[in-house]
Protein backbone atom coordinates (compact mmCIF):
# COMPACT_ATOMS: atom_id res chain seq x y z
CA UNK A 1 16.73 9.26 30.86
CA UNK A 2 16.93 7.59 27.21
CA UNK A 3 17.64 9.28 24.20
CA UNK A 4 15.35 8.62 21.29
CA UNK A 5 16.32 9.37 17.84
CA UNK A 6 13.69 10.50 14.91
CA UNK A 7 14.46 8.24 12.20
CA UNK A 8 13.16 8.81 8.33
CA UNK A 9 14.65 5.40 6.48
CA UNK A 10 12.67 2.52 8.44
CA UNK A 11 9.27 2.47 7.76
CA UNK A 12 6.96 1.18 10.40
CA UNK A 13 5.56 -2.15 9.65
CA UNK A 14 2.22 -1.49 11.18
CA UNK A 15 1.45 1.48 9.04
CA UNK A 16 4.52 1.89 6.63
CA UNK A 17 5.18 5.25 7.97
CA UNK A 18 8.52 6.55 8.15
CA UNK A 19 7.94 8.65 11.02
CA UNK A 20 9.89 6.43 13.67
CA UNK A 21 11.84 6.95 16.71
CA UNK A 22 14.82 4.93 17.59
CA UNK A 23 15.28 3.36 21.13
CA UNK A 24 18.22 1.89 22.78
CA UNK A 25 16.54 -1.62 21.88
CA UNK A 26 14.12 -0.95 19.68
CA UNK A 27 11.86 1.60 17.13
CA UNK A 28 8.89 3.36 17.47
CA UNK A 29 6.04 4.36 14.96
CA UNK A 30 5.27 8.15 16.13
CA UNK A 31 2.44 8.03 14.16
CA UNK A 32 0.43 4.41 15.49
CA UNK A 33 2.56 3.95 18.26
CA UNK A 34 3.88 0.33 17.22
CA UNK A 35 7.01 -0.52 18.90
CA UNK A 36 9.33 -3.57 17.60
CA UNK A 37 12.74 -4.69 18.70
CA UNK A 38 15.55 -3.21 16.22
CA UNK A 39 17.26 -7.15 15.88
CA UNK A 40 13.98 -8.11 13.95
CA UNK A 41 14.72 -8.46 10.40
CA UNK A 42 12.85 -5.66 8.30
CA UNK A 43 10.28 -6.99 6.14
CA UNK A 44 10.86 -7.80 2.36
CA UNK A 45 9.71 -4.73 0.71
CA UNK A 46 7.54 -5.84 -1.99
CA UNK A 47 7.22 -4.11 -5.32
CA UNK A 48 4.26 -4.04 -7.34
CA UNK A 49 3.87 -2.45 -10.65
CA UNK A 50 1.23 -1.86 -13.39
CA UNK A 51 0.19 -2.75 -16.63
CA UNK A 52 2.88 -0.53 -18.15
CA UNK A 53 5.76 -1.41 -15.73
CA UNK A 54 5.25 1.46 -13.08
CA UNK A 55 6.16 0.78 -9.73
CA UNK A 56 2.81 1.45 -7.29
CA UNK A 57 3.08 3.39 -3.81
CA UNK A 58 0.23 3.37 -1.52
CA UNK A 59 -1.83 6.61 -1.72
CA UNK A 60 -1.59 6.82 -5.53
CA UNK A 61 -4.06 6.73 -8.36
CA UNK A 62 -5.06 4.61 -10.72
CA UNK A 63 -6.83 4.09 -13.83
CA UNK A 64 -8.84 0.57 -15.18
CA UNK A 65 -7.38 -0.59 -18.78
CA UNK A 66 -9.91 -2.92 -19.49
CA UNK A 67 -13.18 -3.18 -18.78
CA UNK A 68 -13.79 -5.73 -15.82
CA UNK A 69 -16.90 -7.78 -14.23
CA UNK A 70 -17.30 -7.27 -10.84
CA UNK A 71 -18.27 -10.35 -8.91
CA UNK A 72 -19.77 -12.39 -11.85
CA UNK A 73 -22.89 -10.29 -11.33
CA UNK A 74 -23.94 -8.45 -14.45
CA UNK A 75 -22.20 -4.81 -12.82
CA UNK A 76 -18.94 -3.87 -15.02
CA UNK A 77 -16.58 -1.39 -14.09
CA UNK A 78 -15.46 0.47 -17.42
CA UNK A 79 -12.21 1.29 -18.94
CA UNK A 80 -10.37 4.64 -17.69
CA UNK A 81 -12.11 4.53 -14.03
CA UNK A 82 -10.31 5.97 -11.52
CA UNK A 83 -9.23 4.63 -7.98
CA UNK A 84 -7.97 7.41 -5.38
CA UNK A 85 -5.66 6.26 -2.58
CA UNK A 86 -5.00 2.75 -3.08
CA UNK A 87 -4.03 0.43 -0.59
CA UNK A 88 -1.19 -1.61 -1.57
CA UNK A 89 -2.13 -5.26 0.23
CA UNK A 90 -0.39 -9.08 0.11
CA UNK A 91 -2.09 -11.50 -1.96
CA UNK A 92 -3.09 -12.40 -4.89
CA UNK A 93 -5.09 -9.31 -5.55
CA UNK A 94 -2.46 -6.59 -4.60
CA UNK A 95 -4.57 -3.38 -4.88
CA UNK A 96 -7.24 -2.54 -2.32
CA UNK A 97 -9.71 0.82 -3.56
CA UNK A 98 -12.60 2.01 -3.94
CA UNK A 99 -14.56 2.44 -7.85
CA UNK A 100 -17.87 4.22 -7.88
CA UNK A 101 -18.48 3.56 -4.10
CA UNK A 102 -17.68 -0.09 -4.39
CA UNK A 103 -14.74 -1.69 -2.76
CA UNK A 104 -12.64 -3.98 -4.53
CA UNK A 105 -9.68 -5.98 -4.84
CA UNK A 106 -7.72 -5.41 -8.09
CA UNK A 107 -4.67 -7.23 -9.63
CA UNK A 108 -2.01 -4.41 -10.55
CA UNK A 109 -2.07 -6.06 -14.37
CA UNK A 110 -5.56 -4.46 -14.57
CA UNK A 111 -4.26 -0.86 -13.64
CA UNK A 112 -2.16 1.99 -15.00
CA UNK A 113 -0.77 4.77 -12.85
CA UNK A 114 -3.03 8.09 -13.46
């Protein structure tokens, strides 16, 4: 019988939740089932900050600080439009979200934490 210990300080690299089980030689996420070896170096956590320097986390609600054109078309997202339950991603545009039913990738410098 292998011993499992529930850990709360090690985030899952697949889903980023912290409901992780510790086995003798590997970690296991009890939420998504992802397993990874204990000797794997933890990925460096990227800190994403809004236009005012507040740290953003996945699931936050943000508001636009200026009007933004969408994809070069004629549609404009107005200042103050809110995006709930954002997702943080790697790349130039750090935020994946939906505003007014449109899926968008935004730069953090154009939003403030709401």
